[in-house]
Amino acid sequence: MNQTLHSHKPLVQFGATPLLTTPAPKQLTPDSPAMTVLTDFTQVMPQSIAGDTPIDDAHLKMRHGGVRLLFVMDKQAHCIGVLTAKEVIGTRRINLAMQQRNLERSEVTAAMIMTPWEKLSAMPLEQLASLTIEDLVLSMESFTEQHLLITERKPNQELSVRGIISATDIQSAMGSRLNTQPPTTVVPMARSFADICQVITGHDL
């Protein structure tokens, strides 16, 4: 038996402060496929929350998870709608829920202020696959939401939510390429697809 194959190698000791390897940032342009900005739920677990979760707890989950949208689930684990940071930070829906139900703020839950499925819009995956990032954003010129749901219907299966696209993710991935101003100009964070469209077409946010 070859003893060399089974000899133990000593571990390396750090002699200096090492560099930390990190993923290379995406280098995208307006001509990049729109699929490159899709958060694909076949690869990334969607973040969800129970419908009876208090809104302040929902806000904390968003902050800790680094997301601005949660899927709201009922007691049978069915998805009944979405909750965005705009709803938990804003006061309109919260105040309305408090008035209609005679509740304290601490009693208001995610299900009370979420957007239900019947009021949501989405884009089919096959349509997204045919677009560039610029095509996508320009087609969403009047879309004032920050998130776009992407659906998929496989043969003999029910319609499913395949993933999500965030306007802020597009802005982060594109970086200064979306900025028509001098490099030193700070571009405000996009609040919607309409904001991104303004930048692509040469207008300020």
N, C-alpha and C. Protein backbone atom coordinates (compact mmCIF):
# COMPACT_ATOMS: atom_id res chain seq x y z
N MET A 1 0.86 -1.20 0.00
CA MET A 1 0.00 0.00 0.00
C MET A 1 0.89 1.25 0.00
N ASN A 2 0.49 2.22 -0.77
CA ASN A 2 1.27 3.45 -0.87
C ASN A 2 1.00 4.32 0.35
N GLN A 3 1.97 4.40 1.27
CA GLN A 3 1.77 5.16 2.50
C GLN A 3 1.67 6.66 2.24
N THR A 4 2.26 7.10 1.12
CA THR A 4 2.24 8.54 0.81
C THR A 4 0.81 9.05 0.65
N LEU A 5 -0.08 8.20 0.10
CA LEU A 5 -1.46 8.62 -0.12
C LEU A 5 -2.20 8.85 1.19
N HIS A 6 -1.73 8.23 2.27
CA HIS A 6 -2.44 8.32 3.53
C HIS A 6 -1.72 9.19 4.56
N SER A 7 -0.65 9.86 4.13
CA SER A 7 0.06 10.74 5.06
C SER A 7 -0.76 11.99 5.31
N HIS A 8 -0.71 12.48 6.53
CA HIS A 8 -1.51 13.66 6.90
C HIS A 8 -0.73 14.93 6.57
N LYS A 9 -1.40 15.84 5.92
CA LYS A 9 -0.79 17.12 5.58
C LYS A 9 -1.07 18.11 6.71
N PRO A 10 -0.07 18.88 7.11
CA PRO A 10 -0.31 19.89 8.17
C PRO A 10 -1.23 20.99 7.65
N LEU A 11 -2.05 21.53 8.54
CA LEU A 11 -2.91 22.65 8.16
C LEU A 11 -2.10 23.92 8.00
N VAL A 12 -2.59 24.78 7.14
CA VAL A 12 -1.89 26.05 6.90
C VAL A 12 -2.19 27.02 8.03
N GLN A 13 -1.19 27.72 8.50
CA GLN A 13 -1.36 28.76 9.51
C GLN A 13 -1.31 30.12 8.82
N PHE A 14 -2.22 30.99 9.19
CA PHE A 14 -2.24 32.32 8.59
C PHE A 14 -1.03 33.12 9.07
N GLY A 15 -0.28 33.65 8.11
CA GLY A 15 0.85 34.50 8.47
C GLY A 15 0.51 35.97 8.35
N ALA A 16 -0.61 36.26 7.68
CA ALA A 16 -1.05 37.65 7.51
C ALA A 16 -2.57 37.66 7.40
N THR A 17 -3.14 38.83 7.47
CA THR A 17 -4.59 38.95 7.35
C THR A 17 -5.02 38.57 5.94
N PRO A 18 -5.91 37.57 5.79
CA PRO A 18 -6.28 37.12 4.45
C PRO A 18 -7.39 37.97 3.84
N LEU A 19 -7.53 37.86 2.55
CA LEU A 19 -8.67 38.45 1.86
C LEU A 19 -9.85 37.49 1.97
N LEU A 20 -11.05 38.02 1.91
CA LEU A 20 -12.25 37.19 1.97
C LEU A 20 -12.89 37.15 0.59
N THR A 21 -13.03 35.95 0.04
CA THR A 21 -13.63 35.80 -1.28
C THR A 21 -15.12 36.09 -1.22
N THR A 22 -15.61 36.89 -2.15
CA THR A 22 -17.03 37.21 -2.24
C THR A 22 -17.47 37.05 -3.69
N PRO A 23 -18.78 36.81 -3.91
CA PRO A 23 -19.25 36.66 -5.30
C PRO A 23 -19.03 37.93 -6.10
N ALA A 24 -18.67 37.77 -7.35
CA ALA A 24 -18.51 38.93 -8.23
C ALA A 24 -19.88 39.54 -8.50
N PRO A 25 -20.01 40.87 -8.43
CA PRO A 25 -21.31 41.49 -8.70
C PRO A 25 -21.72 41.28 -10.15
N LYS A 26 -23.03 41.18 -10.36
CA LYS A 26 -23.52 41.03 -11.73
C LYS A 26 -23.19 42.27 -12.53
N GLN A 27 -22.69 42.06 -13.74
CA GLN A 27 -22.42 43.17 -14.65
C GLN A 27 -23.51 43.17 -15.71
N LEU A 28 -24.54 43.95 -15.46
CA LEU A 28 -25.71 43.95 -16.35
C LEU A 28 -25.81 45.26 -17.10
N THR A 29 -26.43 45.19 -18.25
CA THR A 29 -26.73 46.37 -19.06
C THR A 29 -28.21 46.34 -19.40
N PRO A 30 -28.74 47.43 -19.95
CA PRO A 30 -30.15 47.40 -20.37
C PRO A 30 -30.47 46.30 -21.37
N ASP A 31 -29.44 45.82 -22.10
CA ASP A 31 -29.65 44.76 -23.09
C ASP A 31 -29.54 43.35 -22.51
N SER A 32 -29.22 43.24 -21.22
CA SER A 32 -29.14 41.92 -20.58
C SER A 32 -30.52 41.29 -20.52
N PRO A 33 -30.61 39.95 -20.58
CA PRO A 33 -31.92 39.29 -20.48
C PRO A 33 -32.63 39.64 -19.18
N ALA A 34 -33.92 39.88 -19.27
CA ALA A 34 -34.69 40.21 -18.06
C ALA A 34 -34.67 39.06 -17.05
N MET A 35 -34.46 37.84 -17.52
CA MET A 35 -34.40 36.69 -16.63
C MET A 35 -33.26 36.80 -15.62
N THR A 36 -32.24 37.61 -15.92
CA THR A 36 -31.10 37.72 -15.01
C THR A 36 -31.44 38.47 -13.73
N VAL A 37 -32.55 39.19 -13.69
CA VAL A 37 -32.93 39.91 -12.47
C VAL A 37 -34.10 39.23 -11.74
N LEU A 38 -34.43 38.02 -12.19
CA LEU A 38 -35.50 37.26 -11.55
C LEU A 38 -34.99 36.56 -10.29
N THR A 39 -35.68 36.75 -9.17
CA THR A 39 -35.44 35.92 -7.99
C THR A 39 -36.27 34.66 -8.20
N ASP A 40 -35.59 33.58 -8.55
CA ASP A 40 -36.24 32.35 -8.99
C ASP A 40 -36.51 31.45 -7.79
N PHE A 41 -37.80 31.14 -7.55
CA PHE A 41 -38.17 30.36 -6.39
C PHE A 41 -37.84 28.87 -6.53
N THR A 42 -37.30 28.46 -7.68
CA THR A 42 -36.77 27.10 -7.76
C THR A 42 -35.35 27.06 -7.19
N GLN A 43 -34.77 28.24 -6.93
CA GLN A 43 -33.42 28.31 -6.40
C GLN A 43 -33.34 29.03 -5.06
N VAL A 44 -34.28 29.93 -4.81
CA VAL A 44 -34.32 30.71 -3.58
C VAL A 44 -35.66 30.50 -2.90
N MET A 45 -35.64 30.16 -1.62
CA MET A 45 -36.88 29.93 -0.90
C MET A 45 -37.64 31.25 -0.70
N PRO A 46 -38.90 31.34 -1.13
CA PRO A 46 -39.66 32.57 -0.90
C PRO A 46 -39.91 32.77 0.60
N GLN A 47 -39.88 34.00 1.04
CA GLN A 47 -40.08 34.28 2.45
C GLN A 47 -41.56 34.57 2.70
N SER A 48 -42.10 33.92 3.71
CA SER A 48 -43.53 34.03 4.00
C SER A 48 -43.76 34.27 5.48
N ILE A 49 -45.01 34.54 5.80
CA ILE A 49 -45.39 34.83 7.18
C ILE A 49 -46.84 34.43 7.38
N ALA A 50 -47.18 34.02 8.59
CA ALA A 50 -48.57 33.63 8.89
C ALA A 50 -49.46 34.87 8.88
N GLY A 51 -50.69 34.68 8.40
CA GLY A 51 -51.61 35.80 8.30
C GLY A 51 -51.94 36.45 9.63
N ASP A 52 -51.86 35.70 10.74
CA ASP A 52 -52.20 36.27 12.04
C ASP A 52 -51.00 36.88 12.76
N THR A 53 -49.90 37.08 12.03
CA THR A 53 -48.72 37.71 12.61
C THR A 53 -48.94 39.20 12.80
N PRO A 54 -48.66 39.76 13.98
CA PRO A 54 -48.77 41.21 14.17
C PRO A 54 -47.87 41.96 13.19
N ILE A 55 -48.32 43.12 12.77
CA ILE A 55 -47.60 43.85 11.72
C ILE A 55 -46.20 44.27 12.13
N ASP A 56 -46.00 44.59 13.41
CA ASP A 56 -44.65 44.97 13.83
C ASP A 56 -43.69 43.78 13.75
N ASP A 57 -44.20 42.57 14.03
CA ASP A 57 -43.37 41.37 13.89
C ASP A 57 -43.06 41.11 12.42
N ALA A 58 -44.04 41.39 11.55
CA ALA A 58 -43.82 41.22 10.11
C ALA A 58 -42.74 42.18 9.63
N HIS A 59 -42.78 43.40 10.15
CA HIS A 59 -41.77 44.40 9.78
C HIS A 59 -40.37 43.95 10.22
N LEU A 60 -40.28 43.39 11.41
CA LEU A 60 -39.01 42.89 11.92
C LEU A 60 -38.48 41.76 11.03
N LYS A 61 -39.36 40.88 10.59
CA LYS A 61 -38.94 39.78 9.72
C LYS A 61 -38.40 40.32 8.41
N MET A 62 -39.04 41.35 7.87
CA MET A 62 -38.54 41.96 6.63
C MET A 62 -37.14 42.52 6.84
N ARG A 63 -36.96 43.22 7.94
CA ARG A 63 -35.67 43.85 8.21
C ARG A 63 -34.58 42.80 8.40
N HIS A 64 -34.87 41.77 9.18
CA HIS A 64 -33.88 40.73 9.43
C HIS A 64 -33.58 39.91 8.18
N GLY A 65 -34.58 39.73 7.33
CA GLY A 65 -34.39 38.94 6.11
C GLY A 65 -33.89 39.75 4.93
N GLY A 66 -33.84 41.07 5.08
CA GLY A 66 -33.39 41.92 4.00
C GLY A 66 -34.33 41.92 2.81
N VAL A 67 -35.64 41.79 3.08
CA VAL A 67 -36.63 41.78 2.01
C VAL A 67 -37.68 42.85 2.27
N ARG A 68 -38.41 43.19 1.22
CA ARG A 68 -39.47 44.19 1.35
C ARG A 68 -40.83 43.62 0.95
N LEU A 69 -40.90 42.30 0.81
CA LEU A 69 -42.17 41.65 0.50
C LEU A 69 -42.19 40.27 1.15
N LEU A 70 -43.33 39.93 1.76
CA LEU A 70 -43.55 38.62 2.34
C LEU A 70 -44.84 38.03 1.78
N PHE A 71 -44.84 36.74 1.52
CA PHE A 71 -46.06 36.05 1.12
C PHE A 71 -46.82 35.67 2.39
N VAL A 72 -48.12 35.96 2.40
CA VAL A 72 -48.94 35.75 3.59
C VAL A 72 -49.67 34.41 3.47
N MET A 73 -49.55 33.59 4.51
CA MET A 73 -50.10 32.24 4.50
C MET A 73 -51.24 32.11 5.50
N ASP A 74 -52.26 31.28 5.14
CA ASP A 74 -53.34 31.01 6.10
C ASP A 74 -52.98 29.77 6.92
N LYS A 75 -53.91 29.34 7.78
CA LYS A 75 -53.62 28.22 8.67
C LYS A 75 -53.49 26.89 7.94
N GLN A 76 -53.97 26.83 6.68
CA GLN A 76 -53.83 25.61 5.88
C GLN A 76 -52.60 25.68 4.97
N ALA A 77 -51.73 26.67 5.23
CA ALA A 77 -50.49 26.87 4.46
C ALA A 77 -50.76 27.25 3.01
N HIS A 78 -51.93 27.87 2.77
CA HIS A 78 -52.22 28.41 1.44
C HIS A 78 -51.80 29.87 1.41
N CYS A 79 -51.21 30.28 0.31
CA CYS A 79 -50.80 31.68 0.17
C CYS A 79 -52.03 32.51 -0.20
N ILE A 80 -52.32 33.52 0.61
CA ILE A 80 -53.55 34.30 0.42
C ILE A 80 -53.29 35.73 -0.06
N GLY A 81 -52.02 36.12 -0.15
CA GLY A 81 -51.71 37.46 -0.61
C GLY A 81 -50.27 37.82 -0.31
N VAL A 82 -49.95 39.10 -0.50
CA VAL A 82 -48.59 39.58 -0.22
C VAL A 82 -48.65 40.80 0.68
N LEU A 83 -47.59 40.93 1.47
CA LEU A 83 -47.45 42.09 2.35
C LEU A 83 -46.13 42.76 2.01
N THR A 84 -46.17 44.06 1.73
CA THR A 84 -44.96 44.79 1.39
C THR A 84 -44.59 45.76 2.50
N ALA A 85 -43.34 46.22 2.44
CA ALA A 85 -42.86 47.18 3.44
C ALA A 85 -43.69 48.46 3.40
N LYS A 86 -44.21 48.79 2.23
CA LYS A 86 -45.02 50.00 2.11
C LYS A 86 -46.25 49.94 3.01
N GLU A 87 -46.82 48.74 3.14
CA GLU A 87 -48.01 48.59 3.99
C GLU A 87 -47.67 48.63 5.48
N VAL A 88 -46.56 47.99 5.87
CA VAL A 88 -46.25 47.93 7.30
C VAL A 88 -45.63 49.22 7.81
N ILE A 89 -45.00 49.98 6.91
CA ILE A 89 -44.42 51.27 7.32
C ILE A 89 -45.45 52.38 7.23
N GLY A 90 -46.32 52.30 6.22
CA GLY A 90 -47.34 53.33 6.05
C GLY A 90 -48.43 53.24 7.11
N THR A 91 -49.32 54.20 7.10
CA THR A 91 -50.37 54.26 8.13
C THR A 91 -51.78 54.07 7.58
N ARG A 92 -51.98 54.23 6.27
CA ARG A 92 -53.33 54.24 5.72
C ARG A 92 -54.06 52.93 5.98
N ARG A 93 -53.48 51.80 5.56
CA ARG A 93 -54.16 50.52 5.74
C ARG A 93 -54.23 50.13 7.22
N ILE A 94 -53.19 50.47 7.96
CA ILE A 94 -53.19 50.14 9.39
C ILE A 94 -54.30 50.89 10.10
N ASN A 95 -54.40 52.17 9.85
CA ASN A 95 -55.46 52.97 10.49
C ASN A 95 -56.85 52.49 10.08
N LEU A 96 -56.99 52.12 8.82
CA LEU A 96 -58.28 51.63 8.33
C LEU A 96 -58.67 50.33 9.05
N ALA A 97 -57.70 49.44 9.19
CA ALA A 97 -57.97 48.17 9.89
C ALA A 97 -58.33 48.43 11.35
N MET A 98 -57.66 49.37 11.98
CA MET A 98 -57.95 49.71 13.38
C MET A 98 -59.37 50.26 13.53
N GLN A 99 -59.76 51.14 12.61
CA GLN A 99 -61.08 51.78 12.68
C GLN A 99 -62.19 50.78 12.38
N GLN A 100 -62.01 49.98 11.34
CA GLN A 100 -63.06 49.05 10.93
C GLN A 100 -63.29 47.94 11.95
N ARG A 101 -62.23 47.54 12.64
CA ARG A 101 -62.33 46.41 13.57
C ARG A 101 -62.26 46.82 15.03
N ASN A 102 -62.11 48.13 15.26
CA ASN A 102 -62.02 48.65 16.63
C ASN A 102 -60.87 47.98 17.38
N LEU A 103 -59.67 48.04 16.78
CA LEU A 103 -58.50 47.37 17.33
C LEU A 103 -57.42 48.37 17.72
N GLU A 104 -56.53 47.94 18.58
CA GLU A 104 -55.30 48.67 18.85
C GLU A 104 -54.30 48.31 17.75
N ARG A 105 -53.29 49.15 17.57
CA ARG A 105 -52.29 48.88 16.53
C ARG A 105 -51.63 47.51 16.74
N SER A 106 -51.37 47.16 17.98
CA SER A 106 -50.69 45.89 18.27
C SER A 106 -51.52 44.67 17.89
N GLU A 107 -52.83 44.89 17.65
CA GLU A 107 -53.72 43.79 17.29
C GLU A 107 -53.89 43.63 15.78
N VAL A 108 -53.38 44.58 15.02
CA VAL A 108 -53.50 44.52 13.56
C VAL A 108 -52.52 43.47 13.02
N THR A 109 -53.02 42.59 12.14
CA THR A 109 -52.21 41.49 11.62
C THR A 109 -51.89 41.66 10.14
N ALA A 110 -50.98 40.82 9.68
CA ALA A 110 -50.56 40.86 8.28
C ALA A 110 -51.73 40.67 7.33
N ALA A 111 -52.63 39.74 7.65
CA ALA A 111 -53.75 39.44 6.77
C ALA A 111 -54.70 40.63 6.63
N MET A 112 -54.74 41.49 7.64
CA MET A 112 -55.66 42.63 7.62
C MET A 112 -55.21 43.73 6.66
N ILE A 113 -53.92 43.84 6.41
CA ILE A 113 -53.43 44.94 5.58
C ILE A 113 -52.72 44.47 4.31
N MET A 114 -52.66 43.16 4.08
CA MET A 114 -52.00 42.63 2.88
C MET A 114 -52.78 42.98 1.62
N THR A 115 -52.16 42.74 0.47
CA THR A 115 -52.85 42.83 -0.81
C THR A 115 -53.25 41.42 -1.22
N PRO A 116 -54.56 41.12 -1.34
CA PRO A 116 -54.98 39.76 -1.70
C PRO A 116 -54.70 39.47 -3.17
N TRP A 117 -54.71 38.18 -3.52
CA TRP A 117 -54.35 37.75 -4.87
C TRP A 117 -55.18 38.43 -5.95
N GLU A 118 -56.48 38.60 -5.68
CA GLU A 118 -57.34 39.14 -6.74
C GLU A 118 -57.01 40.59 -7.12
N LYS A 119 -56.18 41.25 -6.32
CA LYS A 119 -55.79 42.63 -6.63
C LYS A 119 -54.35 42.74 -7.12
N LEU A 120 -53.71 41.60 -7.37
CA LEU A 120 -52.31 41.61 -7.80
C LEU A 120 -52.20 41.38 -9.31
N SER A 121 -51.14 41.93 -9.88
CA SER A 121 -50.83 41.72 -11.30
C SER A 121 -49.55 40.91 -11.40
N ALA A 122 -49.39 40.19 -12.50
CA ALA A 122 -48.21 39.35 -12.68
C ALA A 122 -47.88 39.23 -14.16
N MET A 123 -46.66 38.75 -14.44
CA MET A 123 -46.21 38.52 -15.81
C MET A 123 -45.86 37.04 -15.96
N PRO A 124 -46.34 36.39 -17.04
CA PRO A 124 -45.97 34.99 -17.27
C PRO A 124 -44.48 34.84 -17.55
N LEU A 125 -43.91 33.73 -17.11
CA LEU A 125 -42.48 33.47 -17.29
C LEU A 125 -42.08 33.50 -18.75
N GLU A 126 -42.91 32.93 -19.62
CA GLU A 126 -42.55 32.88 -21.04
C GLU A 126 -42.48 34.28 -21.65
N GLN A 127 -43.28 35.21 -21.13
CA GLN A 127 -43.20 36.59 -21.61
C GLN A 127 -41.91 37.25 -21.13
N LEU A 128 -41.58 37.03 -19.85
CA LEU A 128 -40.35 37.59 -19.30
C LEU A 128 -39.13 37.10 -20.07
N ALA A 129 -39.14 35.82 -20.46
CA ALA A 129 -37.99 35.21 -21.14
C ALA A 129 -37.70 35.85 -22.49
N SER A 130 -38.67 36.56 -23.05
CA SER A 130 -38.49 37.17 -24.37
C SER A 130 -38.01 38.61 -24.28
N LEU A 131 -37.82 39.14 -23.06
CA LEU A 131 -37.51 40.55 -22.88
C LEU A 131 -36.09 40.79 -22.41
N THR A 132 -35.56 41.96 -22.76
CA THR A 132 -34.35 42.46 -22.12
C THR A 132 -34.77 43.25 -20.88
N ILE A 133 -33.80 43.65 -20.06
CA ILE A 133 -34.12 44.46 -18.89
C ILE A 133 -34.78 45.77 -19.32
N GLU A 134 -34.25 46.38 -20.37
CA GLU A 134 -34.83 47.64 -20.85
C GLU A 134 -36.26 47.43 -21.34
N ASP A 135 -36.49 46.34 -22.09
CA ASP A 135 -37.85 46.04 -22.56
C ASP A 135 -38.80 45.90 -21.38
N LEU A 136 -38.34 45.17 -20.37
CA LEU A 136 -39.18 44.94 -19.20
C LEU A 136 -39.55 46.24 -18.52
N VAL A 137 -38.56 47.06 -18.25
CA VAL A 137 -38.81 48.30 -17.51
C VAL A 137 -39.69 49.24 -18.32
N LEU A 138 -39.43 49.37 -19.61
CA LEU A 138 -40.23 50.27 -20.43
C LEU A 138 -41.67 49.78 -20.55
N SER A 139 -41.87 48.47 -20.53
CA SER A 139 -43.23 47.93 -20.59
C SER A 139 -43.97 48.15 -19.28
N MET A 140 -43.23 48.48 -18.22
CA MET A 140 -43.82 48.69 -16.90
C MET A 140 -43.85 50.17 -16.54
N GLU A 141 -43.90 51.03 -17.56
CA GLU A 141 -43.77 52.47 -17.35
C GLU A 141 -44.79 53.02 -16.36
N SER A 142 -46.00 52.47 -16.37
CA SER A 142 -47.05 52.98 -15.48
C SER A 142 -47.25 52.11 -14.24
N PHE A 143 -46.37 51.13 -14.03
CA PHE A 143 -46.50 50.20 -12.91
C PHE A 143 -45.87 50.82 -11.67
N THR A 144 -46.71 51.21 -10.73
CA THR A 144 -46.24 51.97 -9.57
C THR A 144 -45.86 51.10 -8.37
N GLU A 145 -45.86 49.79 -8.57
CA GLU A 145 -45.44 48.89 -7.49
C GLU A 145 -43.94 48.62 -7.58
N GLN A 146 -43.35 48.20 -6.47
CA GLN A 146 -41.92 47.93 -6.43
C GLN A 146 -41.58 46.49 -6.79
N HIS A 147 -42.58 45.60 -6.75
CA HIS A 147 -42.35 44.18 -7.02
C HIS A 147 -43.27 43.68 -8.13
N LEU A 148 -42.72 42.83 -8.99
CA LEU A 148 -43.48 42.20 -10.05
C LEU A 148 -43.43 40.68 -9.85
N LEU A 149 -44.59 40.07 -9.72
CA LEU A 149 -44.66 38.62 -9.58
C LEU A 149 -44.57 37.96 -10.96
N ILE A 150 -43.85 36.86 -11.03
CA ILE A 150 -43.69 36.11 -12.28
C ILE A 150 -44.36 34.75 -12.10
N THR A 151 -45.28 34.42 -13.00
CA THR A 151 -46.04 33.17 -12.88
C THR A 151 -45.57 32.15 -13.91
N GLU A 152 -45.90 30.90 -13.62
CA GLU A 152 -45.57 29.82 -14.54
C GLU A 152 -46.70 28.79 -14.50
N ARG A 153 -47.09 28.31 -15.66
CA ARG A 153 -48.10 27.24 -15.74
C ARG A 153 -47.53 26.07 -16.54
N LYS A 154 -47.21 24.99 -15.84
CA LYS A 154 -46.70 23.79 -16.50
C LYS A 154 -47.87 22.92 -16.94
N PRO A 155 -47.67 22.09 -17.94
CA PRO A 155 -48.75 21.22 -18.42
C PRO A 155 -49.35 20.38 -17.28
N ASN A 156 -50.67 20.37 -17.23
CA ASN A 156 -51.42 19.58 -16.25
C ASN A 156 -51.15 19.99 -14.80
N GLN A 157 -50.70 21.25 -14.61
CA GLN A 157 -50.47 21.75 -13.26
C GLN A 157 -51.16 23.10 -13.09
N GLU A 158 -51.44 23.46 -11.84
CA GLU A 158 -52.05 24.75 -11.56
C GLU A 158 -51.04 25.88 -11.74
N LEU A 159 -51.55 27.08 -11.92
CA LEU A 159 -50.70 28.26 -12.04
C LEU A 159 -49.91 28.43 -10.74
N SER A 160 -48.61 28.73 -10.87
CA SER A 160 -47.77 28.94 -9.69
C SER A 160 -46.99 30.23 -9.82
N VAL A 161 -46.56 30.78 -8.69
CA VAL A 161 -45.68 31.94 -8.68
C VAL A 161 -44.25 31.40 -8.76
N ARG A 162 -43.59 31.64 -9.88
CA ARG A 162 -42.25 31.11 -10.11
C ARG A 162 -41.17 31.97 -9.44
N GLY A 163 -41.45 33.27 -9.35
CA GLY A 163 -40.44 34.15 -8.76
C GLY A 163 -40.92 35.58 -8.68
N ILE A 164 -39.99 36.47 -8.42
CA ILE A 164 -40.33 37.87 -8.22
C ILE A 164 -39.19 38.74 -8.73
N ILE A 165 -39.53 39.93 -9.22
CA ILE A 165 -38.52 40.91 -9.64
C ILE A 165 -38.78 42.19 -8.86
N SER A 166 -37.72 42.75 -8.30
CA SER A 166 -37.81 43.98 -7.53
C SER A 166 -37.17 45.12 -8.30
N ALA A 167 -37.82 46.28 -8.29
CA ALA A 167 -37.26 47.45 -8.96
C ALA A 167 -35.92 47.83 -8.34
N THR A 168 -35.80 47.69 -7.01
CA THR A 168 -34.53 48.04 -6.36
C THR A 168 -33.42 47.06 -6.74
N ASP A 169 -33.78 45.79 -6.98
CA ASP A 169 -32.78 44.82 -7.42
C ASP A 169 -32.25 45.19 -8.80
N ILE A 170 -33.14 45.66 -9.67
CA ILE A 170 -32.71 46.10 -11.00
C ILE A 170 -31.77 47.29 -10.87
N GLN A 171 -32.14 48.22 -10.02
CA GLN A 171 -31.31 49.40 -9.84
C GLN A 171 -29.93 49.02 -9.29
N SER A 172 -29.90 48.11 -8.32
CA SER A 172 -28.63 47.69 -7.72
C SER A 172 -27.75 46.96 -8.74
N ALA A 173 -28.38 46.08 -9.54
CA ALA A 173 -27.62 45.31 -10.52
C ALA A 173 -27.09 46.18 -11.65
N MET A 174 -27.86 47.19 -12.02
CA MET A 174 -27.46 48.05 -13.13
C MET A 174 -26.49 49.13 -12.67
N GLY A 175 -26.62 49.55 -11.40
CA GLY A 175 -25.72 50.56 -10.85
C GLY A 175 -25.73 51.85 -11.65
N SER A 176 -24.55 52.36 -11.90
CA SER A 176 -24.42 53.67 -12.56
C SER A 176 -24.88 53.63 -14.01
N ARG A 177 -25.06 52.43 -14.57
CA ARG A 177 -25.51 52.35 -15.97
C ARG A 177 -26.91 52.95 -16.14
N LEU A 178 -27.68 52.94 -15.05
CA LEU A 178 -29.01 53.54 -15.11
C LEU A 178 -28.98 55.04 -14.88
N ASN A 179 -27.84 55.56 -14.47
CA ASN A 179 -27.75 56.96 -14.11
C ASN A 179 -27.27 57.79 -15.29
N THR A 180 -28.08 58.70 -15.77
CA THR A 180 -27.71 59.56 -16.89
C THR A 180 -27.00 60.82 -16.40
N GLN A 181 -26.89 60.97 -15.07
CA GLN A 181 -26.24 62.13 -14.50
C GLN A 181 -24.74 61.86 -14.34
N PRO A 182 -23.94 62.87 -13.97
CA PRO A 182 -22.51 62.66 -13.73
C PRO A 182 -22.29 61.60 -12.65
N PRO A 183 -21.13 60.90 -12.66
CA PRO A 183 -20.87 59.82 -11.72
C PRO A 183 -20.98 60.21 -10.26
N THR A 184 -20.75 61.49 -9.95
CA THR A 184 -20.79 61.92 -8.56
C THR A 184 -22.21 62.13 -8.05
N THR A 185 -23.19 62.10 -8.96
CA THR A 185 -24.57 62.31 -8.55
C THR A 185 -25.14 61.06 -7.89
N VAL A 186 -25.76 61.24 -6.74
CA VAL A 186 -26.37 60.11 -6.02
C VAL A 186 -27.79 59.92 -6.53
N VAL A 187 -28.08 58.73 -7.04
CA VAL A 187 -29.42 58.44 -7.55
C VAL A 187 -30.29 57.92 -6.41
N PRO A 188 -31.46 58.51 -6.17
CA PRO A 188 -32.33 58.02 -5.09
C PRO A 188 -32.75 56.58 -5.34
N MET A 189 -33.09 55.86 -4.27
CA MET A 189 -33.54 54.48 -4.41
C MET A 189 -34.90 54.44 -5.09
N ALA A 190 -35.01 53.58 -6.09
CA ALA A 190 -36.26 53.47 -6.83
C ALA A 190 -37.36 52.93 -5.95
N ARG A 191 -38.53 53.54 -6.02
CA ARG A 191 -39.68 53.09 -5.25
C ARG A 191 -40.62 52.23 -6.09
N SER A 192 -40.40 52.21 -7.40
CA SER A 192 -41.30 51.45 -8.28
C SER A 192 -40.64 51.24 -9.63
N PHE A 193 -41.26 50.42 -10.47
CA PHE A 193 -40.78 50.24 -11.83
C PHE A 193 -40.91 51.54 -12.63
N ALA A 194 -41.91 52.33 -12.31
CA ALA A 194 -42.07 53.62 -12.98
C ALA A 194 -40.87 54.52 -12.73
N ASP A 195 -40.30 54.46 -11.52
CA ASP A 195 -39.10 55.25 -11.20
C ASP A 195 -37.93 54.83 -12.07
N ILE A 196 -37.71 53.50 -12.20
CA ILE A 196 -36.62 53.00 -13.02
C ILE A 196 -36.82 53.41 -14.47
N CYS A 197 -38.05 53.37 -14.93
CA CYS A 197 -38.36 53.74 -16.31
C CYS A 197 -37.98 55.20 -16.57
N GLN A 198 -38.20 56.05 -15.59
CA GLN A 198 -37.83 57.47 -15.74
C GLN A 198 -36.34 57.63 -15.95
N VAL A 199 -35.54 56.82 -15.26
CA VAL A 199 -34.09 56.91 -15.40
C VAL A 199 -33.65 56.42 -16.78
N ILE A 200 -34.21 55.28 -17.21
CA ILE A 200 -33.84 54.71 -18.52
C ILE A 200 -34.20 55.66 -19.65
N THR A 201 -35.31 56.38 -19.51
CA THR A 201 -35.73 57.29 -20.57
C THR A 201 -35.10 58.67 -20.44
N GLY A 202 -34.18 58.81 -19.44
CA GLY A 202 -33.41 60.05 -19.36
C GLY A 202 -33.93 61.06 -18.39
N HIS A 203 -34.85 60.67 -17.52
CA HIS A 203 -35.39 61.60 -16.54
C HIS A 203 -34.90 61.25 -15.16
N ASP A 204 -34.94 62.22 -14.26
CA ASP A 204 -34.52 61.98 -12.88
C ASP A 204 -35.57 61.18 -12.16
N LEU A 205 -35.15 60.51 -11.10
CA LEU A 205 -36.11 59.86 -10.19
C LEU A 205 -36.86 60.94 -9.43
